[in-house]
Amino acid sequence: MSQLGFESDSPAPTVLTRRSAWNVYTAMLLVSLVALLAAALLLYLEIREYGGFGNVKGPTAQVQPSAAAAPALRWA
């Protein structure tokens, strides 16, 4: 039984009847790829701004208050 709506009855697709490889799903895949690449670029720029991978900018040791100043800090 043949179905209505086919462009030709030939079983093999030709240049005139072959459907395009681009449809809504491949376009969505392309959009998601671009979004992932942009997110990775922005994350890299953010990490680089704060010293890079494994590097720490600024003081790394915290200053501890002296023992004489400790009671004054409790009542402040």
Protein backbone atom coordinates (compact mmCIF):
# COMPACT_ATOMS: atom_id res chain seq x y z
CA MET A 1 0.00 0.00 0.00
CA SER A 2 1.49 3.31 -0.98
CA GLN A 3 1.30 6.37 1.20
CA LEU A 4 0.32 9.76 -0.04
CA GLY A 5 2.77 12.63 0.28
CA PHE A 6 5.92 10.99 -1.02
CA GLU A 7 7.66 13.01 -3.70
CA SER A 8 8.60 9.98 -5.77
CA ASP A 9 8.00 6.25 -5.77
CA SER A 10 11.66 5.35 -6.20
CA PRO A 11 13.15 3.58 -3.16
CA ALA A 12 16.55 5.30 -3.37
CA PRO A 13 16.74 9.01 -2.54
CA THR A 14 18.01 11.24 -5.30
CA VAL A 15 19.41 14.74 -5.24
CA LEU A 16 15.95 16.18 -5.77
CA THR A 17 14.15 14.07 -3.13
CA ARG A 18 16.82 13.74 -0.45
CA ARG A 19 15.95 15.60 2.75
CA SER A 20 18.35 18.11 4.22
CA ALA A 21 20.56 17.02 7.12
CA TRP A 22 19.69 20.25 8.97
CA ASN A 23 16.54 20.14 11.04
CA VAL A 24 15.44 21.65 14.34
CA TYR A 25 17.36 19.06 16.39
CA THR A 26 20.69 19.65 14.69
CA ALA A 27 20.15 23.40 15.07
CA MET A 28 19.50 22.90 18.80
CA LEU A 29 22.68 20.83 19.06
CA LEU A 30 24.63 23.62 17.40
CA VAL A 31 23.15 26.23 19.76
CA SER A 32 23.99 24.10 22.80
CA LEU A 33 27.57 23.58 21.54
CA VAL A 34 28.04 27.34 21.14
CA ALA A 35 26.60 27.92 24.64
CA LEU A 36 28.96 25.35 26.18
CA LEU A 37 31.97 26.84 24.43
CA ALA A 38 31.01 30.35 25.57
CA ALA A 39 30.54 29.13 29.16
CA ALA A 40 33.94 27.42 29.12
CA LEU A 41 35.58 30.59 27.79
CA LEU A 42 33.94 32.76 30.45
CA LEU A 43 34.93 30.30 33.19
CA TYR A 44 38.53 30.32 31.96
CA LEU A 45 38.60 34.13 31.97
CA GLU A 46 37.13 34.21 35.49
CA ILE A 47 39.70 31.73 36.82
CA ARG A 48 42.54 33.60 35.11
CA GLU A 49 41.41 36.86 36.74
CA TYR A 50 41.83 35.34 40.21
CA GLY A 51 45.32 33.98 39.74
CA GLY A 52 45.01 31.04 37.44
CA PHE A 53 44.89 27.36 38.16
CA GLY A 54 46.50 26.60 41.52
CA ASN A 55 48.04 30.02 42.04
CA VAL A 56 46.87 32.24 44.88
CA LYS A 57 47.07 36.01 44.75
CA GLY A 58 47.43 38.04 47.91
CA PRO A 59 48.24 37.02 51.48
CA THR A 60 47.76 33.35 52.21
CA ALA A 61 48.30 33.36 55.97
CA GLN A 62 45.67 34.76 58.31
CA VAL A 63 46.84 37.03 61.09
CA GLN A 64 45.91 35.74 64.55
CA PRO A 65 45.13 38.33 67.25
CA SER A 66 47.61 38.49 70.09
CA ALA A 67 46.76 37.04 73.50
CA ALA A 68 46.56 40.54 75.07
CA ALA A 69 43.95 41.70 72.55
CA ALA A 70 41.77 38.59 72.93
CA PRO A 71 39.77 39.78 76.02
CA ALA A 72 39.17 43.15 74.39
CA LEU A 73 37.76 41.46 71.30
CA ARG A 74 35.33 39.39 73.42
CA TRP A 75 33.65 42.50 74.85
CA ALA A 76 33.63 44.56 71.69
